């Protein structure tokens, strides 16, 4: 099996490539850079081929598909700067909506199964019940709208697809909330963190294992995937991060989203029903507390 993976310079794409390598499956990595030179976590992908590709350029996509000749497409590339998306909506749309459509059209034409990663931001965040995979999309901002458009493109052009909605992502190769908290702890004794956005985090290392489990099957559909465990707020998560890292000098103060004042509106309810994972015979991700402990140990041992 040959697996074409977009966005290998990011958190998820990097872990997918390493997991494919560990499982003895051939992966072909793609991203904007002319060459893949490694990753910030010191675990470069050295055993897999790499092709430069711009997903917003149909000619570049077609050329890459021709060279890679993949059996499966795993589309990790995305515009994920939520606040910046409000300032640059056209650029965000070009990547998340148009870029995904370029890939989906070609995957559909060549009858290649495609995996697409979406987000809790496709929902409006109202209520308290966990979102079901078939719930109606009502995105709040530019980022969520473009990711929802990406979902629609995949469903329109690809007959065999997996759509995985993930949330609160963290991994070794890139920036994330955990790294930000640990960095701020070096210079701050007090931090303000929102306590009215509720969900669960997703460790890309654990997610990559599930991804590889999925792509060797035909169990297609929409899945909600985060680490298992209780639903928490960002405030709860920040406190857990410092406790896990053994940092006791930082006082975490709860604030509302309105008080915090981010440029983009975040969904207050990011609870997602993950039951389809086990219903379709896949192993769920470990609990987020376990994932956090492993991740913090990894960072501290670097």
C-alpha atoms as a PDB file:
ATOM      1  CA  UNK A   1       0.000   0.000   0.000  1.00  0.00           C
ATOM      2  CA  UNK A   2       1.230   3.479  -0.944  1.00  0.00           C
ATOM      3  CA  UNK A   3      -0.156   6.283   1.215  1.00  0.00           C
ATOM      4  CA  UNK A   4       0.075   9.906   0.116  1.00  0.00           C
ATOM      5  CA  UNK A   5       0.170  12.207   3.155  1.00  0.00           C
ATOM      6  CA  UNK A   6      -0.257  15.977   2.861  1.00  0.00           C
ATOM      7  CA  UNK A   7       1.051  18.463   5.416  1.00  0.00           C
ATOM      8  CA  UNK A   8       3.934  16.346   6.764  1.00  0.00           C
ATOM      9  CA  UNK A   9       5.632  19.428   8.213  1.00  0.00           C
ATOM     10  CA  UNK A  10       2.760  19.748  10.704  1.00  0.00           C
ATOM     11  CA  UNK A  11       1.979  17.954  13.944  1.00  0.00           C
ATOM     12  CA  UNK A  12      -0.364  15.306  12.571  1.00  0.00           C
ATOM     13  CA  UNK A  13       1.255  14.683   9.191  1.00  0.00           C
ATOM     14  CA  UNK A  14       4.619  14.101  10.844  1.00  0.00           C
ATOM     15  CA  UNK A  15       3.217  11.513  13.245  1.00  0.00           C
ATOM     16  CA  UNK A  16       1.270   9.786  10.469  1.00  0.00           C
ATOM     17  CA  UNK A  17       4.459   9.365   8.429  1.00  0.00           C
ATOM     18  CA  UNK A  18       6.373   7.968  11.395  1.00  0.00           C
ATOM     19  CA  UNK A  19       3.549   5.569  12.230  1.00  0.00           C
ATOM     20  CA  UNK A  20       3.355   4.336   8.641  1.00  0.00           C
ATOM     21  CA  UNK A  21       7.116   3.737   8.718  1.00  0.00           C
ATOM     22  CA  UNK A  22       6.871   1.839  12.010  1.00  0.00           C
ATOM     23  CA  UNK A  23       4.131  -0.369  10.546  1.00  0.00           C
ATOM     24  CA  UNK A  24       6.101  -1.093   7.364  1.00  0.00           C
ATOM     25  CA  UNK A  25       3.676   0.798   5.107  1.00  0.00           C
ATOM     26  CA  UNK A  26       5.056   3.063   2.381  1.00  0.00           C
ATOM     27  CA  UNK A  27       4.178   6.705   2.855  1.00  0.00           C
ATOM     28  CA  UNK A  28       4.864   9.548   0.437  1.00  0.00           C
ATOM     29  CA  UNK A  29       5.020  12.877   2.244  1.00  0.00           C
ATOM     30  CA  UNK A  30       4.078  16.231   0.727  1.00  0.00           C
ATOM     31  CA  UNK A  31       4.206  19.849   1.819  1.00  0.00           C
ATOM     32  CA  UNK A  32       5.051  23.313   0.483  1.00  0.00           C
ATOM     33  CA  UNK A  33       8.792  23.191   1.193  1.00  0.00           C
ATOM     34  CA  UNK A  34      11.123  21.992  -1.580  1.00  0.00           C
ATOM     35  CA  UNK A  35      12.491  19.284   0.716  1.00  0.00           C
ATOM     36  CA  UNK A  36      11.545  17.708   4.011  1.00  0.00           C
ATOM     37  CA  UNK A  37      14.484  18.432   6.294  1.00  0.00           C
ATOM     38  CA  UNK A  38      13.234  16.924   9.523  1.00  0.00           C
ATOM     39  CA  UNK A  39      11.156  17.941  12.489  1.00  0.00           C
ATOM     40  CA  UNK A  40      11.486  20.001  15.620  1.00  0.00           C
ATOM     41  CA  UNK A  41      11.126  16.945  17.848  1.00  0.00           C
ATOM     42  CA  UNK A  42      14.316  15.371  16.556  1.00  0.00           C
ATOM     43  CA  UNK A  43      12.568  12.482  14.803  1.00  0.00           C
ATOM     44  CA  UNK A  44      12.833  13.289  11.089  1.00  0.00           C
ATOM     45  CA  UNK A  45      11.196  11.025   8.571  1.00  0.00           C
ATOM     46  CA  UNK A  46      14.208   9.659   6.735  1.00  0.00           C
ATOM     47  CA  UNK A  47      12.834   6.429   5.306  1.00  0.00           C
ATOM     48  CA  UNK A  48      10.008   7.862   3.210  1.00  0.00           C
ATOM     49  CA  UNK A  49       9.989   9.709  -0.123  1.00  0.00           C
ATOM     50  CA  UNK A  50       8.898  13.350  -0.220  1.00  0.00           C
ATOM     51  CA  UNK A  51       7.286  15.399  -3.010  1.00  0.00           C
ATOM     52  CA  UNK A  52       6.763  19.150  -2.948  1.00  0.00           C
ATOM     53  CA  UNK A  53       3.101  19.992  -3.505  1.00  0.00           C
ATOM     54  CA  UNK A  54       0.907  23.074  -3.248  1.00  0.00           C
ATOM     55  CA  UNK A  55      -2.637  21.847  -2.638  1.00  0.00           C
ATOM     56  CA  UNK A  56      -4.062  25.193  -3.827  1.00  0.00           C
ATOM     57  CA  UNK A  57      -2.557  24.617  -7.301  1.00  0.00           C
ATOM     58  CA  UNK A  58      -4.466  21.979  -9.306  1.00  0.00           C
ATOM     59  CA  UNK A  59      -1.470  21.416 -11.605  1.00  0.00           C
ATOM     60  CA  UNK A  60       0.793  20.769  -8.614  1.00  0.00           C
ATOM     61  CA  UNK A  61      -1.729  18.318  -7.169  1.00  0.00           C
ATOM     62  CA  UNK A  62      -2.054  16.455 -10.459  1.00  0.00           C
ATOM     63  CA  UNK A  63       1.718  16.240 -10.863  1.00  0.00           C
ATOM     64  CA  UNK A  64       2.137  14.893  -7.340  1.00  0.00           C
ATOM     65  CA  UNK A  65      -0.569  12.262  -7.800  1.00  0.00           C
ATOM     66  CA  UNK A  66       1.043  11.148 -11.044  1.00  0.00           C
ATOM     67  CA  UNK A  67       4.451  10.770  -9.411  1.00  0.00           C
ATOM     68  CA  UNK A  68       3.226   9.174  -6.168  1.00  0.00           C
ATOM     69  CA  UNK A  69       0.553   6.880  -7.663  1.00  0.00           C
ATOM     70  CA  UNK A  70      -1.030   6.378  -4.226  1.00  0.00           C
ATOM     71  CA  UNK A  71      -3.555   3.811  -3.060  1.00  0.00           C
ATOM     72  CA  UNK A  72      -4.852   6.050  -0.244  1.00  0.00           C
ATOM     73  CA  UNK A  73      -4.788   9.815   0.422  1.00  0.00           C
ATOM     74  CA  UNK A  74      -4.440  11.114   4.001  1.00  0.00           C
ATOM     75  CA  UNK A  75      -5.020  14.872   3.914  1.00  0.00           C
ATOM     76  CA  UNK A  76      -3.420  16.504   6.974  1.00  0.00           C
ATOM     77  CA  UNK A  77      -2.527  19.882   5.423  1.00  0.00           C
ATOM     78  CA  UNK A  78      -4.686  22.760   6.643  1.00  0.00           C
ATOM     79  CA  UNK A  79      -4.847  26.395   7.652  1.00  0.00           C
ATOM     80  CA  UNK A  80      -5.211  26.115  11.435  1.00  0.00           C
ATOM     81  CA  UNK A  81      -4.550  29.700  12.595  1.00  0.00           C
ATOM     82  CA  UNK A  82      -8.087  30.389  13.808  1.00  0.00           C
ATOM     83  CA  UNK A  83      -7.689  34.068  14.703  1.00  0.00           C
ATOM     84  CA  UNK A  84      -5.581  34.827  11.620  1.00  0.00           C
ATOM     85  CA  UNK A  85      -8.354  33.345   9.487  1.00  0.00           C
ATOM     86  CA  UNK A  86     -10.617  36.240  10.497  1.00  0.00           C
ATOM     87  CA  UNK A  87      -7.998  38.671   9.174  1.00  0.00           C
ATOM     88  CA  UNK A  88      -7.200  36.666   6.028  1.00  0.00           C
ATOM     89  CA  UNK A  89     -10.413  34.841   5.061  1.00  0.00           C
ATOM     90  CA  UNK A  90      -9.514  34.428   1.389  1.00  0.00           C
ATOM     91  CA  UNK A  91      -6.160  32.812   2.190  1.00  0.00           C
ATOM     92  CA  UNK A  92      -7.786  30.450   4.691  1.00  0.00           C
ATOM     93  CA  UNK A  93     -10.507  29.530   2.187  1.00  0.00           C
ATOM     94  CA  UNK A  94      -7.946  28.847  -0.516  1.00  0.00           C
ATOM     95  CA  UNK A  95      -6.202  26.252   1.645  1.00  0.00           C
ATOM     96  CA  UNK A  96      -9.031  24.603   3.586  1.00  0.00           C
ATOM     97  CA  UNK A  97     -11.821  24.706   1.015  1.00  0.00           C
ATOM     98  CA  UNK A  98     -10.249  25.076  -2.442  1.00  0.00           C
ATOM     99  CA  UNK A  99      -7.151  23.014  -1.625  1.00  0.00           C
ATOM    100  CA  UNK A 100      -9.234  20.189  -0.220  1.00  0.00           C
ATOM    101  CA  UNK A 101     -11.521  20.311  -3.268  1.00  0.00           C
ATOM    102  CA  UNK A 102      -8.499  20.030  -5.581  1.00  0.00           C
ATOM    103  CA  UNK A 103      -7.410  16.873  -3.774  1.00  0.00           C
ATOM    104  CA  UNK A 104     -10.918  15.431  -3.537  1.00  0.00           C
ATOM    105  CA  UNK A 105     -11.618  15.887  -7.254  1.00  0.00           C
ATOM    106  CA  UNK A 106      -8.501  13.977  -8.237  1.00  0.00           C
ATOM    107  CA  UNK A 107      -8.991  11.296  -5.591  1.00  0.00           C
ATOM    108  CA  UNK A 108     -12.537  10.830  -6.871  1.00  0.00           C
ATOM    109  CA  UNK A 109     -11.451  10.631 -10.502  1.00  0.00           C
ATOM    110  CA  UNK A 110      -8.823   8.013  -9.652  1.00  0.00           C
ATOM    111  CA  UNK A 111     -11.088   6.156  -7.197  1.00  0.00           C
ATOM    112  CA  UNK A 112      -8.612   6.643  -4.346  1.00  0.00           C
ATOM    113  CA  UNK A 113     -10.012   6.521  -0.783  1.00  0.00           C
ATOM    114  CA  UNK A 114      -9.440   9.818   1.034  1.00  0.00           C
ATOM    115  CA  UNK A 115      -9.136  10.700   4.707  1.00  0.00           C
ATOM    116  CA  UNK A 116      -9.912  14.310   5.666  1.00  0.00           C
ATOM    117  CA  UNK A 117      -9.441  15.962   9.056  1.00  0.00           C
ATOM    118  CA  UNK A 118     -12.120  18.353  10.172  1.00  0.00           C
ATOM    119  CA  UNK A 119     -12.903  20.042  13.449  1.00  0.00           C
ATOM    120  CA  UNK A 120     -15.359  20.761  16.242  1.00  0.00           C
ATOM    121  CA  UNK A 121     -15.520  24.285  14.753  1.00  0.00           C
ATOM    122  CA  UNK A 122     -18.010  23.075  12.134  1.00  0.00           C
ATOM    123  CA  UNK A 123     -20.620  23.256  14.930  1.00  0.00           C
ATOM    124  CA  UNK A 124     -21.977  26.372  16.615  1.00  0.00           C
ATOM    125  CA  UNK A 125     -20.985  25.220  20.091  1.00  0.00           C
ATOM    126  CA  UNK A 126     -24.439  25.629  21.602  1.00  0.00           C
ATOM    127  CA  UNK A 127     -25.876  23.386  24.299  1.00  0.00           C
ATOM    128  CA  UNK A 128     -24.123  20.788  26.403  1.00  0.00           C
ATOM    129  CA  UNK A 129     -24.817  17.442  24.750  1.00  0.00           C
ATOM    130  CA  UNK A 130     -21.994  15.825  22.767  1.00  0.00           C
ATOM    131  CA  UNK A 131     -22.165  16.424  19.020  1.00  0.00           C
ATOM    132  CA  UNK A 132     -23.089  13.455  16.844  1.00  0.00           C
ATOM    133  CA  UNK A 133     -21.338  12.856  13.496  1.00  0.00           C
ATOM    134  CA  UNK A 134     -24.576  13.526  11.576  1.00  0.00           C
ATOM    135  CA  UNK A 135     -25.482  16.739  13.403  1.00  0.00           C
ATOM    136  CA  UNK A 136     -26.062  19.738  11.168  1.00  0.00           C
ATOM    137  CA  UNK A 137     -23.091  21.989  10.590  1.00  0.00           C
ATOM    138  CA  UNK A 138     -23.332  25.570  11.853  1.00  0.00           C
ATOM    139  CA  UNK A 139     -19.799  27.004  11.883  1.00  0.00           C
ATOM    140  CA  UNK A 140     -19.234  30.269  13.719  1.00  0.00           C
ATOM    141  CA  UNK A 141     -16.197  31.782  11.995  1.00  0.00           C
ATOM    142  CA  UNK A 142     -14.006  31.685   8.913  1.00  0.00           C
ATOM    143  CA  UNK A 143     -11.945  28.698  10.021  1.00  0.00           C
ATOM    144  CA  UNK A 144     -14.993  26.558  10.808  1.00  0.00           C
ATOM    145  CA  UNK A 145     -16.752  27.578   7.596  1.00  0.00           C
ATOM    146  CA  UNK A 146     -13.769  26.650   5.430  1.00  0.00           C
ATOM    147  CA  UNK A 147     -13.353  23.295   7.156  1.00  0.00           C
ATOM    148  CA  UNK A 148     -17.050  22.592   6.658  1.00  0.00           C
ATOM    149  CA  UNK A 149     -16.644  23.426   2.966  1.00  0.00           C
ATOM    150  CA  UNK A 150     -13.791  20.954   2.872  1.00  0.00           C
ATOM    151  CA  UNK A 151     -16.085  18.272   4.296  1.00  0.00           C
ATOM    152  CA  UNK A 152     -18.685  19.000   1.631  1.00  0.00           C
ATOM    153  CA  UNK A 153     -16.065  18.789  -1.129  1.00  0.00           C
ATOM    154  CA  UNK A 154     -14.898  15.383   0.087  1.00  0.00           C
ATOM    155  CA  UNK A 155     -18.477  14.117   0.245  1.00  0.00           C
ATOM    156  CA  UNK A 156     -19.223  15.511  -3.214  1.00  0.00           C
ATOM    157  CA  UNK A 157     -16.239  14.157  -5.122  1.00  0.00           C
ATOM    158  CA  UNK A 158     -15.030  11.064  -3.234  1.00  0.00           C
ATOM    159  CA  UNK A 159     -17.066   7.885  -2.977  1.00  0.00           C
ATOM    160  CA  UNK A 160     -14.861   6.219  -0.336  1.00  0.00           C
ATOM    161  CA  UNK A 161     -13.875   8.618   2.447  1.00  0.00           C
ATOM    162  CA  UNK A 162     -13.220   8.984   6.147  1.00  0.00           C
ATOM    163  CA  UNK A 163     -13.902  12.366   7.737  1.00  0.00           C
ATOM    164  CA  UNK A 164     -12.346  12.618  11.193  1.00  0.00           C
ATOM    165  CA  UNK A 165     -13.394  15.593  13.318  1.00  0.00           C
ATOM    166  CA  UNK A 166     -10.705  16.276  15.884  1.00  0.00           C
ATOM    167  CA  UNK A 167     -10.203  18.976  18.532  1.00  0.00           C
ATOM    168  CA  UNK A 168      -7.601  20.599  20.787  1.00  0.00           C
ATOM    169  CA  UNK A 169      -4.727  18.970  18.912  1.00  0.00           C
ATOM    170  CA  UNK A 170      -1.211  18.596  20.323  1.00  0.00           C
ATOM    171  CA  UNK A 171       1.891  16.848  19.007  1.00  0.00           C
ATOM    172  CA  UNK A 172       5.663  17.092  19.091  1.00  0.00           C
ATOM    173  CA  UNK A 173       6.212  18.689  15.686  1.00  0.00           C
ATOM    174  CA  UNK A 174       4.742  22.173  16.014  1.00  0.00           C
ATOM    175  CA  UNK A 175       3.147  24.624  18.408  1.00  0.00           C
ATOM    176  CA  UNK A 176       0.157  23.851  20.617  1.00  0.00           C
ATOM    177  CA  UNK A 177      -1.558  24.801  23.877  1.00  0.00           C
ATOM    178  CA  UNK A 178       0.638  22.594  26.066  1.00  0.00           C
ATOM    179  CA  UNK A 179       3.867  24.038  24.698  1.00  0.00           C
ATOM    180  CA  UNK A 180       2.459  27.539  25.088  1.00  0.00           C
ATOM    181  CA  UNK A 181       1.545  26.949  28.741  1.00  0.00           C
ATOM    182  CA  UNK A 182       4.954  25.479  29.544  1.00  0.00           C
ATOM    183  CA  UNK A 183       6.725  28.339  27.789  1.00  0.00           C
ATOM    184  CA  UNK A 184       4.663  30.990  29.574  1.00  0.00           C
ATOM    185  CA  UNK A 185       5.370  29.300  32.904  1.00  0.00           C
ATOM    186  CA  UNK A 186       9.028  30.240  32.471  1.00  0.00           C
ATOM    187  CA  UNK A 187       8.190  33.951  32.705  1.00  0.00           C
ATOM    188  CA  UNK A 188       4.792  34.168  34.410  1.00  0.00           C
ATOM    189  CA  UNK A 189       3.414  33.381  37.849  1.00  0.00           C
ATOM    190  CA  UNK A 190      -0.206  34.047  36.837  1.00  0.00           C
ATOM    191  CA  UNK A 191      -2.059  33.040  33.688  1.00  0.00           C
ATOM    192  CA  UNK A 192      -5.632  33.708  32.535  1.00  0.00           C
ATOM    193  CA  UNK A 193      -7.295  30.762  30.773  1.00  0.00           C
ATOM    194  CA  UNK A 194     -10.865  30.448  29.523  1.00  0.00           C
ATOM    195  CA  UNK A 195     -13.168  28.165  31.494  1.00  0.00           C
ATOM    196  CA  UNK A 196     -16.332  28.235  29.339  1.00  0.00           C
ATOM    197  CA  UNK A 197     -15.117  26.192  26.353  1.00  0.00           C
ATOM    198  CA  UNK A 198     -15.583  22.471  27.025  1.00  0.00           C
ATOM    199  CA  UNK A 199     -14.108  19.532  25.128  1.00  0.00           C
ATOM    200  CA  UNK A 200     -11.285  16.986  25.104  1.00  0.00           C
ATOM    201  CA  UNK A 201      -7.777  17.120  23.593  1.00  0.00           C
ATOM    202  CA  UNK A 202      -6.275  14.982  20.837  1.00  0.00           C
ATOM    203  CA  UNK A 203      -2.686  13.690  20.885  1.00  0.00           C
ATOM    204  CA  UNK A 204      -1.459  13.287  17.307  1.00  0.00           C
ATOM    205  CA  UNK A 205       0.715  10.296  18.216  1.00  0.00           C
ATOM    206  CA  UNK A 206      -2.359   8.387  19.404  1.00  0.00           C
ATOM    207  CA  UNK A 207      -4.477   9.655  16.523  1.00  0.00           C
ATOM    208  CA  UNK A 208      -1.881   8.500  13.979  1.00  0.00           C
ATOM    209  CA  UNK A 209      -2.184   4.937  15.286  1.00  0.00           C
ATOM    210  CA  UNK A 210      -5.945   4.994  14.703  1.00  0.00           C
ATOM    211  CA  UNK A 211      -5.497   6.562  11.264  1.00  0.00           C
ATOM    212  CA  UNK A 212      -3.275   3.711  10.101  1.00  0.00           C
ATOM    213  CA  UNK A 213      -5.717   1.198  11.591  1.00  0.00           C
ATOM    214  CA  UNK A 214      -8.529   2.824   9.587  1.00  0.00           C
ATOM    215  CA  UNK A 215      -6.928   3.225   6.171  1.00  0.00           C
ATOM    216  CA  UNK A 216      -6.350  -0.503   5.760  1.00  0.00           C
ATOM    217  CA  UNK A 217     -10.123  -1.046   6.078  1.00  0.00           C
ATOM    218  CA  UNK A 218     -13.219  -0.012   4.154  1.00  0.00           C
ATOM    219  CA  UNK A 219     -15.042   1.255   7.257  1.00  0.00           C
ATOM    220  CA  UNK A 220     -15.686   4.681   5.791  1.00  0.00           C
ATOM    221  CA  UNK A 221     -17.766   7.502   7.224  1.00  0.00           C
ATOM    222  CA  UNK A 222     -17.654  10.446   9.616  1.00  0.00           C
ATOM    223  CA  UNK A 223     -15.967   9.914  12.961  1.00  0.00           C
ATOM    224  CA  UNK A 224     -15.461  12.101  16.011  1.00  0.00           C
ATOM    225  CA  UNK A 225     -12.006  11.394  17.372  1.00  0.00           C
ATOM    226  CA  UNK A 226     -10.328  12.781  20.475  1.00  0.00           C
ATOM    227  CA  UNK A 227      -8.594  11.112  23.378  1.00  0.00           C
ATOM    228  CA  UNK A 228     -10.941   9.414  25.806  1.00  0.00           C
ATOM    229  CA  UNK A 229     -11.659  10.774  29.275  1.00  0.00           C
ATOM    230  CA  UNK A 230     -13.870  13.356  30.917  1.00  0.00           C
ATOM    231  CA  UNK A 231     -14.821  16.592  29.192  1.00  0.00           C
ATOM    232  CA  UNK A 232     -12.816  19.547  30.477  1.00  0.00           C
ATOM    233  CA  UNK A 233     -12.317  23.284  29.945  1.00  0.00           C
ATOM    234  CA  UNK A 234      -9.110  24.901  28.750  1.00  0.00           C
ATOM    235  CA  UNK A 235      -8.741  26.141  32.337  1.00  0.00           C
ATOM    236  CA  UNK A 236      -8.929  22.553  33.619  1.00  0.00           C
ATOM    237  CA  UNK A 237      -6.454  21.469  30.959  1.00  0.00           C
ATOM    238  CA  UNK A 238      -3.969  24.195  31.894  1.00  0.00           C
ATOM    239  CA  UNK A 239      -4.081  23.170  35.549  1.00  0.00           C
ATOM    240  CA  UNK A 240      -3.558  19.519  34.570  1.00  0.00           C
ATOM    241  CA  UNK A 241      -0.582  20.485  32.402  1.00  0.00           C
ATOM    242  CA  UNK A 242       1.197  22.255  35.258  1.00  0.00           C
ATOM    243  CA  UNK A 243       0.404  19.475  37.723  1.00  0.00           C
ATOM    244  CA  UNK A 244       1.698  16.841  35.310  1.00  0.00           C
ATOM    245  CA  UNK A 245       4.855  18.858  34.614  1.00  0.00           C
ATOM    246  CA  UNK A 246       5.500  19.420  38.312  1.00  0.00           C
ATOM    247  CA  UNK A 247       5.111  23.197  38.019  1.00  0.00           C
ATOM    248  CA  UNK A 248       3.601  24.679  41.172  1.00  0.00           C
ATOM    249  CA  UNK A 249       4.459  28.388  40.968  1.00  0.00           C
ATOM    250  CA  UNK A 250       1.841  29.326  38.334  1.00  0.00           C
ATOM    251  CA  UNK A 251      -1.612  30.432  39.428  1.00  0.00           C
ATOM    252  CA  UNK A 252      -4.215  29.749  36.740  1.00  0.00           C
ATOM    253  CA  UNK A 253      -7.142  32.167  36.794  1.00  0.00           C
ATOM    254  CA  UNK A 254     -10.440  31.229  35.083  1.00  0.00           C
ATOM    255  CA  UNK A 255     -11.895  33.820  32.684  1.00  0.00           C
ATOM    256  CA  UNK A 256     -14.790  33.822  30.235  1.00  0.00           C
ATOM    257  CA  UNK A 257     -14.250  33.797  26.480  1.00  0.00           C
ATOM    258  CA  UNK A 258     -15.722  37.289  26.364  1.00  0.00           C
ATOM    259  CA  UNK A 259     -13.233  38.520  28.954  1.00  0.00           C
ATOM    260  CA  UNK A 260     -10.344  36.872  27.125  1.00  0.00           C
ATOM    261  CA  UNK A 261     -11.322  38.593  23.868  1.00  0.00           C
ATOM    262  CA  UNK A 262      -9.900  36.414  21.080  1.00  0.00           C
ATOM    263  CA  UNK A 263     -10.442  37.598  17.502  1.00  0.00           C
ATOM    264  CA  UNK A 264     -12.326  34.464  16.459  1.00  0.00           C
ATOM    265  CA  UNK A 265     -15.344  33.063  18.286  1.00  0.00           C
ATOM    266  CA  UNK A 266     -14.668  29.592  19.662  1.00  0.00           C
ATOM    267  CA  UNK A 267     -17.402  26.983  20.213  1.00  0.00           C
ATOM    268  CA  UNK A 268     -18.272  26.765  23.892  1.00  0.00           C
ATOM    269  CA  UNK A 269     -19.445  23.172  23.503  1.00  0.00           C
ATOM    270  CA  UNK A 270     -16.812  21.016  21.808  1.00  0.00           C
ATOM    271  CA  UNK A 271     -18.026  17.771  23.347  1.00  0.00           C
ATOM    272  CA  UNK A 272     -18.087  15.111  20.619  1.00  0.00           C
ATOM    273  CA  UNK A 273     -19.546  11.615  20.721  1.00  0.00           C
ATOM    274  CA  UNK A 274     -16.684   9.233  19.923  1.00  0.00           C
ATOM    275  CA  UNK A 275     -18.702   6.005  20.090  1.00  0.00           C
ATOM    276  CA  UNK A 276     -18.531   5.315  16.342  1.00  0.00           C
ATOM    277  CA  UNK A 277     -14.851   4.411  16.769  1.00  0.00           C
ATOM    278  CA  UNK A 278     -15.607   1.342  18.893  1.00  0.00           C
ATOM    279  CA  UNK A 279     -18.887   0.596  17.096  1.00  0.00           C
ATOM    280  CA  UNK A 280     -16.886   0.082  13.904  1.00  0.00           C
ATOM    281  CA  UNK A 281     -14.327  -2.142  15.598  1.00  0.00           C
ATOM    282  CA  UNK A 282     -11.483   0.302  16.177  1.00  0.00           C
ATOM    283  CA  UNK A 283      -9.538   0.816  19.375  1.00  0.00           C
ATOM    284  CA  UNK A 284     -10.329   4.168  21.025  1.00  0.00           C
ATOM    285  CA  UNK A 285      -7.571   6.606  21.866  1.00  0.00           C
ATOM    286  CA  UNK A 286      -6.198   6.412  25.425  1.00  0.00           C
ATOM    287  CA  UNK A 287      -7.539   8.812  28.041  1.00  0.00           C
ATOM    288  CA  UNK A 288      -6.254  12.361  27.698  1.00  0.00           C
ATOM    289  CA  UNK A 289      -4.611  12.261  31.146  1.00  0.00           C
ATOM    290  CA  UNK A 290      -2.469   9.356  29.968  1.00  0.00           C
ATOM    291  CA  UNK A 291      -1.673  11.123  26.696  1.00  0.00           C
ATOM    292  CA  UNK A 292      -0.738  14.312  28.533  1.00  0.00           C
ATOM    293  CA  UNK A 293       1.606  12.454  30.883  1.00  0.00           C
ATOM    294  CA  UNK A 294       3.396  10.728  27.991  1.00  0.00           C
ATOM    295  CA  UNK A 295       3.645  13.964  26.040  1.00  0.00           C
ATOM    296  CA  UNK A 296       5.029  16.006  28.945  1.00  0.00           C
ATOM    297  CA  UNK A 297       7.614  13.302  29.668  1.00  0.00           C
ATOM    298  CA  UNK A 298       8.650  13.418  26.026  1.00  0.00           C
ATOM    299  CA  UNK A 299       9.103  17.198  26.128  1.00  0.00           C
ATOM    300  CA  UNK A 300      10.979  17.117  29.413  1.00  0.00           C
ATOM    301  CA  UNK A 301      13.367  14.406  28.191  1.00  0.00           C
ATOM    302  CA  UNK A 302      14.336  16.232  25.008  1.00  0.00           C
END
